[in-house]
Structure formats: structure tokens, C-alpha cells
Amino acid sequence: MLVLGWALGTGNPCNYAYAILVPLIFHVRVVFYEEREMQRLFGREWDAYRSAVPRWGLRLRPYIPSVEPGTAPNGGTADSVGSSKVTKGPPSVI
């Protein structure tokens, strides 16, 4: 919105082109990099989230996970994937 306001304020055609180009670049980055990384990191959790929440739209109801958080992408538990001494959550304060 800032770039579009800048284009409207200056009236320069190059700024209008820039205002169109910036959102396209953001979209391409999200689709081709960030979504692939989310798939790699979260597996089934990401698939469930992606099918329930639109990419750029609004969701009127809160998202409730249908996959148990902490499960590994292959269906096992997260503890069986890496080291067994992984703590979950913030450290407790004594």
C-alpha cells in the first residue's frame, strides 16, 4: 500500500509498475520458497493447515489443527525422529 501511495503521489508510471511488481515478487517467494520449507519442516501438519486456510484470503473461524502437533511427517512421534531428550515448550520457572 505504501508503494501504491507513493505511485499515486508522484504520478510516475515507473512507480505504478513497481507497485504491481512488488506484490508479484512477494507471491512468487512465498509459493516457491516458504511453502516448500513449511512442507519440509512440518509435513502432515502443514498439509492439514494448507487445506484448511486460504493462502491470501481471510478465515472467519479460527484454525483448529486436525493433525496432532508434534507428530513426525512420516506419521511417527516427534520423539522417535531425533534425540529422545528433546524438551517441549519453554523452560519452567522455579
C-alpha atoms as a PDB file:
ATOM      1  CA  MET A   1       0.000   0.000   0.000  1.00  0.00           C
ATOM      2  CA  LEU A   2       2.907   2.295   0.703  1.00  0.00           C
ATOM      3  CA  VAL A   3       4.341   1.809  -2.789  1.00  0.00           C
ATOM      4  CA  LEU A   4       0.917   2.387  -4.346  1.00  0.00           C
ATOM      5  CA  GLY A   5       0.530   5.604  -2.346  1.00  0.00           C
ATOM      6  CA  TRP A   6       3.982   6.654  -3.490  1.00  0.00           C
ATOM      7  CA  ALA A   7       2.978   5.996  -7.101  1.00  0.00           C
ATOM      8  CA  LEU A   8      -0.241   7.980  -6.707  1.00  0.00           C
ATOM      9  CA  GLY A   9       1.624  10.842  -5.069  1.00  0.00           C
ATOM     10  CA  THR A  10       4.320  11.140  -7.716  1.00  0.00           C
ATOM     11  CA  GLY A  11       2.280  10.163 -10.766  1.00  0.00           C
ATOM     12  CA  ASN A  12       5.354   8.499 -12.262  1.00  0.00           C
ATOM     13  CA  PRO A  13       4.459   5.496 -14.485  1.00  0.00           C
ATOM     14  CA  CYS A  14       7.576   3.633 -13.293  1.00  0.00           C
ATOM     15  CA  ASN A  15       6.266   3.788  -9.739  1.00  0.00           C
ATOM     16  CA  TYR A  16       2.960   2.252 -10.850  1.00  0.00           C
ATOM     17  CA  ALA A  17       4.880  -0.597 -12.464  1.00  0.00           C
ATOM     18  CA  TYR A  18       6.886  -1.003  -9.259  1.00  0.00           C
ATOM     19  CA  ALA A  19       3.640  -1.072  -7.238  1.00  0.00           C
ATOM     20  CA  ILE A  20       2.483  -4.006  -9.383  1.00  0.00           C
ATOM     21  CA  LEU A  21       5.847  -5.800  -9.375  1.00  0.00           C
ATOM     22  CA  VAL A  22       6.441  -5.840  -5.596  1.00  0.00           C
ATOM     23  CA  PRO A  23       3.357  -7.961  -4.677  1.00  0.00           C
ATOM     24  CA  LEU A  24       4.130 -10.371  -7.522  1.00  0.00           C
ATOM     25  CA  ILE A  25       7.668 -10.888  -6.223  1.00  0.00           C
ATOM     26  CA  PHE A  26       6.353 -11.495  -2.694  1.00  0.00           C
ATOM     27  CA  HIS A  27       3.834 -14.031  -4.011  1.00  0.00           C
ATOM     28  CA  VAL A  28       6.453 -15.938  -6.012  1.00  0.00           C
ATOM     29  CA  ARG A  29       8.766 -16.082  -2.994  1.00  0.00           C
ATOM     30  CA  VAL A  30       6.016 -17.409  -0.736  1.00  0.00           C
ATOM     31  CA  VAL A  31       4.886 -20.078  -3.200  1.00  0.00           C
ATOM     32  CA  PHE A  32       8.270 -21.334  -4.367  1.00  0.00           C
ATOM     33  CA  TYR A  33      10.358 -20.991  -1.212  1.00  0.00           C
ATOM     34  CA  GLU A  34       8.386 -20.550   2.000  1.00  0.00           C
ATOM     35  CA  GLU A  35       5.651 -23.086   1.277  1.00  0.00           C
ATOM     36  CA  ARG A  36       8.216 -25.718   0.296  1.00  0.00           C
ATOM     37  CA  GLU A  37      10.138 -25.076   3.510  1.00  0.00           C
ATOM     38  CA  MET A  38       6.955 -25.386   5.567  1.00  0.00           C
ATOM     39  CA  GLN A  39       6.219 -28.712   3.850  1.00  0.00           C
ATOM     40  CA  ARG A  40       9.736 -29.944   4.568  1.00  0.00           C
ATOM     41  CA  LEU A  41       9.667 -28.871   8.211  1.00  0.00           C
ATOM     42  CA  PHE A  42       6.112 -29.774   9.231  1.00  0.00           C
ATOM     43  CA  GLY A  43       4.885 -32.438   6.773  1.00  0.00           C
ATOM     44  CA  ARG A  44       1.364 -33.597   7.619  1.00  0.00           C
ATOM     45  CA  GLU A  45       0.683 -30.647   9.929  1.00  0.00           C
ATOM     46  CA  TRP A  46       1.411 -28.275   7.042  1.00  0.00           C
ATOM     47  CA  ASP A  47      -0.818 -30.261   4.652  1.00  0.00           C
ATOM     48  CA  ALA A  48      -3.724 -30.072   7.096  1.00  0.00           C
ATOM     49  CA  TYR A  49      -3.173 -26.350   7.686  1.00  0.00           C
ATOM     50  CA  ARG A  50      -2.831 -25.585   3.973  1.00  0.00           C
ATOM     51  CA  SER A  51      -6.063 -27.393   3.126  1.00  0.00           C
ATOM     52  CA  ALA A  52      -7.983 -25.512   5.850  1.00  0.00           C
ATOM     53  CA  VAL A  53      -6.606 -21.967   5.480  1.00  0.00           C
ATOM     54  CA  PRO A  54      -6.606 -19.946   2.245  1.00  0.00           C
ATOM     55  CA  ARG A  55      -3.242 -18.645   1.031  1.00  0.00           C
ATOM     56  CA  TRP A  56      -4.047 -14.917   0.913  1.00  0.00           C
ATOM     57  CA  GLY A  57      -7.689 -14.734   1.995  1.00  0.00           C
ATOM     58  CA  LEU A  58      -9.260 -14.270   5.382  1.00  0.00           C
ATOM     59  CA  ARG A  59     -10.629 -17.052   7.543  1.00  0.00           C
ATOM     60  CA  LEU A  60     -13.567 -16.076   9.729  1.00  0.00           C
ATOM     61  CA  ARG A  61     -13.318 -19.059  12.093  1.00  0.00           C
ATOM     62  CA  PRO A  62     -10.112 -19.905  13.987  1.00  0.00           C
ATOM     63  CA  TYR A  63      -7.984 -22.746  12.684  1.00  0.00           C
ATOM     64  CA  ILE A  64      -8.190 -25.904  14.792  1.00  0.00           C
ATOM     65  CA  PRO A  65      -5.476 -28.455  13.910  1.00  0.00           C
ATOM     66  CA  SER A  66      -6.729 -31.816  12.660  1.00  0.00           C
ATOM     67  CA  VAL A  67      -3.274 -33.404  12.973  1.00  0.00           C
ATOM     68  CA  GLU A  68      -1.725 -33.895  16.379  1.00  0.00           C
ATOM     69  CA  PRO A  69       1.076 -31.299  16.788  1.00  0.00           C
ATOM     70  CA  GLY A  70       4.491 -32.824  17.297  1.00  0.00           C
ATOM     71  CA  THR A  71       3.943 -35.807  15.030  1.00  0.00           C
ATOM     72  CA  ALA A  72       6.670 -36.512  12.553  1.00  0.00           C
ATOM     73  CA  PRO A  73       5.985 -36.106   8.812  1.00  0.00           C
ATOM     74  CA  ASN A  74       6.082 -39.907   8.382  1.00  0.00           C
ATOM     75  CA  GLY A  75       3.375 -40.489  10.998  1.00  0.00           C
ATOM     76  CA  GLY A  76       5.591 -41.426  13.967  1.00  0.00           C
ATOM     77  CA  THR A  77       6.043 -39.347  17.062  1.00  0.00           C
ATOM     78  CA  ALA A  78       8.435 -36.426  17.019  1.00  0.00           C
ATOM     79  CA  ASP A  79      10.467 -38.004  19.840  1.00  0.00           C
ATOM     80  CA  SER A  80      11.292 -41.040  17.712  1.00  0.00           C
ATOM     81  CA  VAL A  81      12.727 -38.908  14.898  1.00  0.00           C
ATOM     82  CA  GLY A  82      15.523 -37.072  16.660  1.00  0.00           C
ATOM     83  CA  SER A  83      17.116 -37.270  20.051  1.00  0.00           C
ATOM     84  CA  SER A  84      14.924 -38.609  22.832  1.00  0.00           C
ATOM     85  CA  LYS A  85      15.932 -35.850  25.264  1.00  0.00           C
ATOM     86  CA  VAL A  86      14.100 -33.025  23.452  1.00  0.00           C
ATOM     87  CA  THR A  87      12.041 -30.851  25.782  1.00  0.00           C
ATOM     88  CA  LYS A  88       8.864 -29.276  24.552  1.00  0.00           C
ATOM     89  CA  GLY A  89       7.770 -25.777  25.473  1.00  0.00           C
ATOM     90  CA  PRO A  90       9.510 -23.064  27.449  1.00  0.00           C
ATOM     91  CA  PRO A  91      11.614 -23.943  30.485  1.00  0.00           C
ATOM     92  CA  SER A  92       9.755 -23.890  33.788  1.00  0.00           C
ATOM     93  CA  VAL A  93      10.490 -21.181  36.310  1.00  0.00           C
ATOM     94  CA  ILE A  94      11.170 -22.393  39.836  1.00  0.00           C
END
